[in-house]
Amino acid sequence: MPAYITLQETGELKRRGEQLWQMMASCRLCPRQCGTNRLDGKRGFCGANSQLEISAYHPHFGEERPLVGQGGSGTIFLTHCNLRCVFCCNWEISQGGMGKACSIDDMAHMMINLQRQGCVNINLVTPTHYSPHIVLAVDKAAQMGLRLPLVYNTCGWERLEILKILDGIVDIYLPDMKYAEGEMAARFSAGARSYPEDTQKAVLEMHRQVGVAKVQPDGLIYRGLMIRHLVMPNNVSGSIKVLDWIATHLPLDTYVNIMSQYMPLHRAREFPEIARRITKEEYMTVVNHAKKLRLANLDIQGWRW
C-alpha cells in the first residue's frame, strides 16, 4: 500500500499540498528560488505560473524495466523545467511550453485512468515546479481509489525543504545525477552552478526516506531510490566522480542506471564539447569503473554497440 494513503486519510496530504501552494507566492520550490509571485499569474524562471500545464499522459514502456512491468509506467509529462539544459531531448515541453492547461481534478482523473489501464505506477516527469499541484491531485485521486506507487522523476536539482514535505508521499525517487562539476552545470544548464552539491544533498535525503530500490519477485520496484546518470561526450558529466560519490555515500546496491543515449539535441551543437554522441570507449570506461567500485545494482545499456 503506498505511503500516501495514510496521509490522505488523516488530512495531512491536503495540508502539505496547501503548504507547498503558498510557497508559489514568492516561489522557492526549486534551488533557483526566483521569488516570482506565481499565484499572481507571473511565470517563474522555469516558465510556469500557478496554472498546471501537462503535455501528455499515457502508459510508457521506455522506462527502466522494473518500472514498466506488463502494463507500463503511468507517465504524466509536466510542462516547463527549472534546469533548462541546452541538450534537452524534450525541449519542446520543458522550454518550449508545449502542453495544455489542466485542473488539479483533471490530473487526479488522469492518475485514476492510468491505474484503470493497468499501469504499475504513476510516473511524474519533471515534477519540481508543480509539487503543490501533484500533492493536491494525489489527495483527490486517493479518495477515488488510487493505490499505485508514485515515481518522482526529477532532474535531481531539488531543495531539502521541499523534499522533507514530500516525505511519506513519494514511493520511488528517480533523480538524475547530471554533473560532478558546477562549472559544467553552469555552462550547460542555465547557470545552475550549485547543481552538484544540491543534488548530492537531495539524493541523500531521498535515500533516507525510501531506502534502496529492490526488485520484487514480480520484477517490479515499488519503493526506493533509483539514480540515473547520463554519460556525455568529453567527460562533461564527470561520470567517474559521480560514481565515486555514489559508492562512498550510498549502499553499494543502490540502483544506478548508466545511460548511453545522449544525443546532441536542441542547442547542443552550439557547444563543441557536446556536439556529438558518445563513443563505445567513453561508455565502457564508465561501466568498468562502476564495476571496479563494486556497485552491485547497475542498469547497463550500451545497446547501440
Protein backbone atom coordinates (compact mmCIF):
# COMPACT_ATOMS: atom_id res chain seq x y z
CA MET A 1 0.00 0.00 0.00
CA PRO A 2 1.51 3.37 -0.98
CA ALA A 3 2.56 5.55 1.95
CA TYR A 4 0.40 8.47 0.88
CA ILE A 5 -2.81 6.59 1.72
CA THR A 6 -2.39 7.10 5.46
CA LEU A 7 -1.56 10.79 4.94
CA GLN A 8 -4.69 11.23 2.86
CA GLU A 9 -6.91 9.58 5.45
CA THR A 10 -5.66 11.92 8.20
CA GLY A 11 -5.90 15.08 6.10
CA GLU A 12 -2.12 15.54 6.21
CA LEU A 13 -1.74 15.11 2.45
CA LYS A 14 -4.03 18.05 1.68
CA ARG A 15 -2.35 20.17 4.36
CA ARG A 16 1.07 19.60 2.81
CA GLY A 17 -0.26 20.41 -0.65
CA GLU A 18 -1.65 23.71 0.63
CA GLN A 19 1.68 24.43 2.35
CA LEU A 20 3.52 23.95 -0.93
CA TRP A 21 0.93 26.03 -2.76
CA GLN A 22 1.62 29.07 -0.59
CA MET A 23 5.32 28.87 -1.50
CA MET A 24 4.39 29.97 -5.02
CA ALA A 25 3.53 33.46 -3.70
CA SER A 26 7.28 34.12 -3.75
CA CYS A 27 8.38 30.94 -5.43
CA ARG A 28 11.04 28.92 -3.67
CA LEU A 29 10.07 25.43 -4.80
CA CYS A 30 13.41 24.80 -6.52
CA PRO A 31 17.02 25.80 -5.80
CA ARG A 32 16.78 28.86 -8.05
CA GLN A 33 14.30 30.38 -5.55
CA CYS A 34 13.43 33.03 -8.14
CA GLY A 35 10.85 34.68 -5.85
CA THR A 36 8.26 35.11 -8.59
CA ASN A 37 4.64 35.51 -7.44
CA ARG A 38 3.28 32.62 -9.44
CA LEU A 39 -0.07 32.89 -7.66
CA ASP A 40 -0.47 36.30 -9.32
CA GLY A 41 -0.13 34.73 -12.77
CA LYS A 42 3.53 35.60 -13.29
CA ARG A 43 5.83 32.95 -14.72
CA GLY A 44 8.96 31.94 -12.83
CA PHE A 45 12.38 31.12 -14.27
CA CYS A 46 11.05 27.62 -15.01
CA GLY A 47 8.30 29.09 -17.21
CA ALA A 48 5.38 28.08 -15.00
CA ASN A 49 2.81 30.07 -13.07
CA SER A 50 0.15 28.58 -10.81
CA GLN A 51 -1.78 27.13 -13.76
CA LEU A 52 -0.96 23.44 -14.12
CA GLU A 53 0.14 22.54 -17.65
CA ILE A 54 0.56 18.97 -18.91
CA SER A 55 1.88 17.92 -22.32
CA ALA A 56 0.77 14.28 -22.31
CA TYR A 57 -0.09 11.26 -20.19
CA HIS A 58 -0.09 7.59 -21.16
CA PRO A 59 1.37 4.16 -20.32
CA HIS A 60 5.10 4.39 -21.08
CA PHE A 61 7.23 1.34 -21.92
CA GLY A 62 10.60 3.06 -22.35
CA GLU A 63 11.49 3.49 -18.68
CA GLU A 64 13.65 1.18 -16.57
CA ARG A 65 12.31 -2.37 -16.75
CA PRO A 66 11.33 -2.58 -13.03
CA LEU A 67 9.11 0.48 -13.55
CA VAL A 68 7.36 -0.88 -16.63
CA GLY A 69 6.12 -4.41 -15.98
CA GLN A 70 3.32 -5.63 -18.23
CA GLY A 71 1.10 -2.55 -18.04
CA GLY A 72 3.66 0.20 -18.48
CA SER A 73 4.63 3.14 -16.30
CA GLY A 74 1.73 5.59 -15.93
CA THR A 75 3.62 8.64 -17.12
CA ILE A 76 2.44 12.24 -16.80
CA PHE A 77 4.67 14.69 -18.69
CA LEU A 78 4.59 18.07 -16.96
CA THR A 79 5.33 21.20 -18.98
CA HIS A 80 8.30 23.53 -18.18
CA CYS A 81 11.51 22.88 -16.23
CA ASN A 82 13.76 24.65 -13.75
CA LEU A 83 17.07 23.36 -15.21
CA ARG A 84 16.77 24.31 -18.92
CA CYS A 85 19.61 22.14 -20.27
CA VAL A 86 20.91 23.11 -23.72
CA PHE A 87 20.89 19.42 -24.75
CA CYS A 88 17.36 18.57 -23.53
CA CYS A 89 15.70 15.81 -25.55
CA ASN A 90 12.23 17.10 -24.59
CA TRP A 91 12.96 20.80 -25.03
CA GLU A 92 9.64 21.45 -26.79
CA ILE A 93 7.93 20.55 -23.49
CA SER A 94 10.49 21.72 -20.94
CA GLN A 95 11.41 25.02 -22.57
CA GLY A 96 9.01 25.50 -25.47
CA GLY A 97 5.95 25.25 -23.25
CA MET A 98 4.20 22.56 -25.27
CA GLY A 99 1.19 21.42 -23.26
CA LYS A 100 -2.28 22.44 -22.23
CA ALA A 101 -3.82 23.92 -19.12
CA CYS A 102 -5.31 21.35 -16.75
CA SER A 103 -7.02 21.50 -13.38
CA ILE A 104 -5.95 19.55 -10.31
CA ASP A 105 -9.13 17.49 -10.76
CA ASP A 106 -8.02 16.73 -14.33
CA MET A 107 -4.69 15.44 -13.04
CA ALA A 108 -6.37 13.29 -10.41
CA HIS A 109 -8.56 11.72 -13.09
CA MET A 110 -5.50 11.09 -15.27
CA MET A 111 -3.98 9.10 -12.40
CA ILE A 112 -7.14 7.03 -11.99
CA ASN A 113 -7.34 6.45 -15.74
CA LEU A 114 -3.74 5.22 -15.85
CA GLN A 115 -4.48 2.85 -12.98
CA ARG A 116 -7.51 1.51 -14.83
CA GLN A 117 -5.37 0.90 -17.92
CA GLY A 118 -3.15 -1.42 -15.88
CA CYS A 119 -0.15 0.83 -15.28
CA VAL A 120 2.08 -0.25 -12.40
CA ASN A 121 2.87 3.23 -11.06
CA ILE A 122 2.26 6.94 -11.55
CA ASN A 123 5.39 8.48 -13.07
CA LEU A 124 5.59 12.27 -12.67
CA VAL A 125 8.12 13.63 -15.16
CA THR A 126 9.76 17.00 -14.28
CA PRO A 127 7.65 17.47 -11.14
CA THR A 128 9.67 20.04 -9.13
CA HIS A 129 7.82 23.24 -10.05
CA TYR A 130 4.42 21.56 -9.82
CA SER A 131 4.87 19.78 -6.48
CA PRO A 132 1.86 21.61 -4.92
CA HIS A 133 -0.42 20.53 -7.75
CA ILE A 134 0.85 16.95 -7.60
CA VAL A 135 0.25 16.56 -3.87
CA LEU A 136 -3.24 18.05 -4.09
CA ALA A 137 -4.07 15.84 -7.10
CA VAL A 138 -2.84 12.72 -5.28
CA ASP A 139 -5.06 13.68 -2.34
CA LYS A 140 -8.09 13.74 -4.65
CA ALA A 141 -7.05 10.62 -6.56
CA ALA A 142 -6.50 8.64 -3.36
CA GLN A 143 -10.08 9.44 -2.37
CA MET A 144 -11.16 7.98 -5.73
CA GLY A 145 -9.19 4.77 -5.19
CA LEU A 146 -5.66 5.44 -6.40
CA ARG A 147 -3.34 2.79 -4.97
CA LEU A 148 -0.30 2.93 -7.26
CA PRO A 149 3.19 3.96 -6.08
CA LEU A 150 4.33 7.46 -7.03
CA VAL A 151 7.54 7.93 -9.04
CA TYR A 152 9.18 11.36 -8.63
CA ASN A 153 11.08 11.57 -11.94
CA THR A 154 13.32 14.59 -11.43
CA CYS A 155 16.45 16.26 -12.81
CA GLY A 156 17.81 15.89 -9.28
CA TRP A 157 18.12 19.61 -8.55
CA GLU A 158 15.85 19.79 -5.51
CA ARG A 159 15.60 21.72 -2.24
CA LEU A 160 15.81 19.77 1.01
CA GLU A 161 12.94 21.79 2.48
CA ILE A 162 10.61 20.61 -0.30
CA LEU A 163 11.79 17.01 -0.19
CA LYS A 164 11.07 16.85 3.54
CA ILE A 165 7.50 17.93 2.83
CA LEU A 166 7.28 15.07 0.31
CA ASP A 167 8.45 12.52 2.90
CA GLY A 168 5.83 9.77 3.10
CA ILE A 169 4.20 10.84 -0.19
CA VAL A 170 6.73 9.69 -2.79
CA ASP A 171 7.39 5.95 -3.06
CA ILE A 172 10.11 5.90 -5.72
CA TYR A 173 12.62 8.70 -6.27
CA LEU A 174 14.10 8.69 -9.77
CA PRO A 175 16.66 11.55 -9.85
CA ASP A 176 19.32 12.36 -12.40
CA MET A 177 22.85 13.00 -11.22
CA LYS A 178 23.90 15.00 -14.28
CA TYR A 179 27.13 16.71 -13.31
CA ALA A 180 30.08 16.37 -10.95
CA GLU A 181 31.32 19.93 -11.55
CA GLY A 182 29.46 23.19 -11.00
CA GLU A 183 31.25 24.79 -13.94
CA MET A 184 29.68 22.29 -16.34
CA ALA A 185 26.25 22.68 -14.77
CA ALA A 186 26.51 26.44 -15.13
CA ARG A 187 27.58 26.21 -18.79
CA PHE A 188 25.02 23.69 -20.00
CA SER A 189 22.09 24.19 -17.59
CA ALA A 190 21.40 27.91 -17.41
CA GLY A 191 23.79 28.90 -14.66
CA ALA A 192 22.90 26.08 -12.24
CA ARG A 193 26.36 26.15 -10.63
CA SER A 194 25.13 24.69 -7.34
CA TYR A 195 23.73 21.60 -9.09
CA PRO A 196 26.33 19.04 -7.89
CA GLU A 197 26.20 20.00 -4.21
CA ASP A 198 22.42 20.49 -4.14
CA THR A 199 21.80 17.20 -5.91
CA GLN A 200 24.09 15.25 -3.61
CA LYS A 201 22.21 16.57 -0.58
CA ALA A 202 18.88 15.82 -2.26
CA VAL A 203 19.87 12.25 -3.14
CA LEU A 204 20.94 11.57 0.45
CA GLU A 205 17.54 12.81 1.67
CA MET A 206 15.74 10.69 -0.91
CA HIS A 207 17.66 7.64 0.25
CA ARG A 208 16.83 8.44 3.88
CA GLN A 209 13.14 8.49 3.00
CA VAL A 210 12.75 5.42 0.76
CA GLY A 211 15.97 3.40 1.03
CA VAL A 212 17.46 1.09 -1.57
CA ALA A 213 15.25 0.14 -4.53
CA LYS A 214 14.91 -3.64 -4.61
CA VAL A 215 13.32 -5.62 -7.41
CA GLN A 216 10.49 -7.77 -6.07
CA PRO A 217 9.67 -11.33 -7.19
CA ASP A 218 7.27 -9.99 -9.82
CA GLY A 219 10.12 -8.00 -11.41
CA LEU A 220 8.88 -4.60 -10.23
CA ILE A 221 10.18 -1.94 -7.86
CA TYR A 222 7.58 -0.42 -5.55
CA ARG A 223 9.78 1.70 -3.30
CA GLY A 224 13.32 3.07 -3.20
CA LEU A 225 15.92 5.31 -4.81
CA MET A 226 16.83 4.80 -8.48
CA ILE A 227 19.61 7.04 -9.79
CA ARG A 228 20.12 7.92 -13.45
CA HIS A 229 23.45 9.13 -14.81
CA LEU A 230 23.79 10.19 -18.45
CA VAL A 231 27.27 9.66 -19.88
CA MET A 232 28.19 12.68 -22.03
CA PRO A 233 30.97 13.33 -24.55
CA ASN A 234 34.36 14.57 -23.38
CA ASN A 235 33.54 13.75 -19.74
CA VAL A 236 31.27 16.79 -19.45
CA SER A 237 29.16 14.97 -16.86
CA GLY A 238 32.14 13.92 -14.74
CA SER A 239 30.94 10.32 -14.66
CA ILE A 240 33.88 8.89 -12.67
CA LYS A 241 33.43 11.47 -9.89
CA VAL A 242 29.66 10.91 -9.82
CA LEU A 243 30.13 7.15 -9.39
CA ASP A 244 32.83 7.68 -6.77
CA TRP A 245 30.43 9.82 -4.77
CA ILE A 246 27.64 7.24 -5.01
CA ALA A 247 29.93 4.40 -3.92
CA THR A 248 31.23 6.45 -1.00
CA HIS A 249 27.98 7.88 0.35
CA LEU A 250 25.31 5.28 -0.52
CA PRO A 251 25.00 1.50 -0.20
CA LEU A 252 26.79 -0.41 -2.95
CA ASP A 253 23.49 -2.00 -4.01
CA THR A 254 21.97 1.40 -4.85
CA TYR A 255 20.20 1.19 -8.21
CA VAL A 256 22.25 3.13 -10.80
CA ASN A 257 21.23 3.41 -14.45
CA ILE A 258 24.30 4.29 -16.54
CA MET A 259 22.65 5.84 -19.58
CA SER A 260 24.17 5.71 -23.06
CA GLN A 261 21.56 7.51 -25.14
CA TYR A 262 22.99 11.05 -25.18
CA MET A 263 22.26 12.84 -28.45
CA PRO A 264 23.21 16.43 -29.43
CA LEU A 265 19.65 17.77 -29.48
CA HIS A 266 18.14 21.24 -29.02
CA ARG A 267 21.10 23.69 -28.84
CA ALA A 268 23.83 21.12 -28.16
CA ARG A 269 25.59 21.65 -31.50
CA GLU A 270 26.36 25.23 -30.45
CA PHE A 271 28.79 23.75 -27.90
CA PRO A 272 31.76 21.83 -29.37
CA GLU A 273 32.23 19.67 -26.24
CA ILE A 274 28.78 18.09 -26.57
CA ALA A 275 28.15 18.32 -30.32
CA ARG A 276 28.41 14.56 -30.90
CA ARG A 277 27.22 11.26 -29.48
CA ILE A 278 29.37 9.32 -27.04
CA THR A 279 31.69 6.55 -28.15
CA LYS A 280 31.71 2.94 -27.00
CA GLU A 281 35.02 3.59 -25.26
CA GLU A 282 33.60 6.53 -23.29
CA TYR A 283 30.63 4.49 -22.14
CA MET A 284 32.56 1.33 -21.26
CA THR A 285 35.12 3.33 -19.27
CA VAL A 286 32.28 4.47 -17.01
CA VAL A 287 30.75 0.98 -16.76
CA ASN A 288 34.07 -0.62 -15.92
CA HIS A 289 34.73 1.98 -13.23
CA ALA A 290 31.32 1.27 -11.68
CA LYS A 291 32.17 -2.43 -11.54
CA LYS A 292 35.58 -1.65 -10.06
CA LEU A 293 33.80 0.28 -7.29
CA ARG A 294 31.67 -2.85 -6.69
CA LEU A 295 28.41 -1.08 -7.37
CA ALA A 296 26.18 -4.12 -7.43
CA ASN A 297 22.86 -2.93 -8.86
CA LEU A 298 23.74 -1.48 -12.25
CA ASP A 299 21.43 -0.94 -15.21
CA ILE A 300 23.90 -1.16 -18.11
CA GLN A 301 22.68 -0.17 -21.55
CA GLY A 302 25.17 0.08 -24.39
CA TRP A 303 22.63 -1.38 -26.81
CA ARG A 304 23.90 0.87 -29.63
CA TRP A 305 27.09 -1.21 -29.79
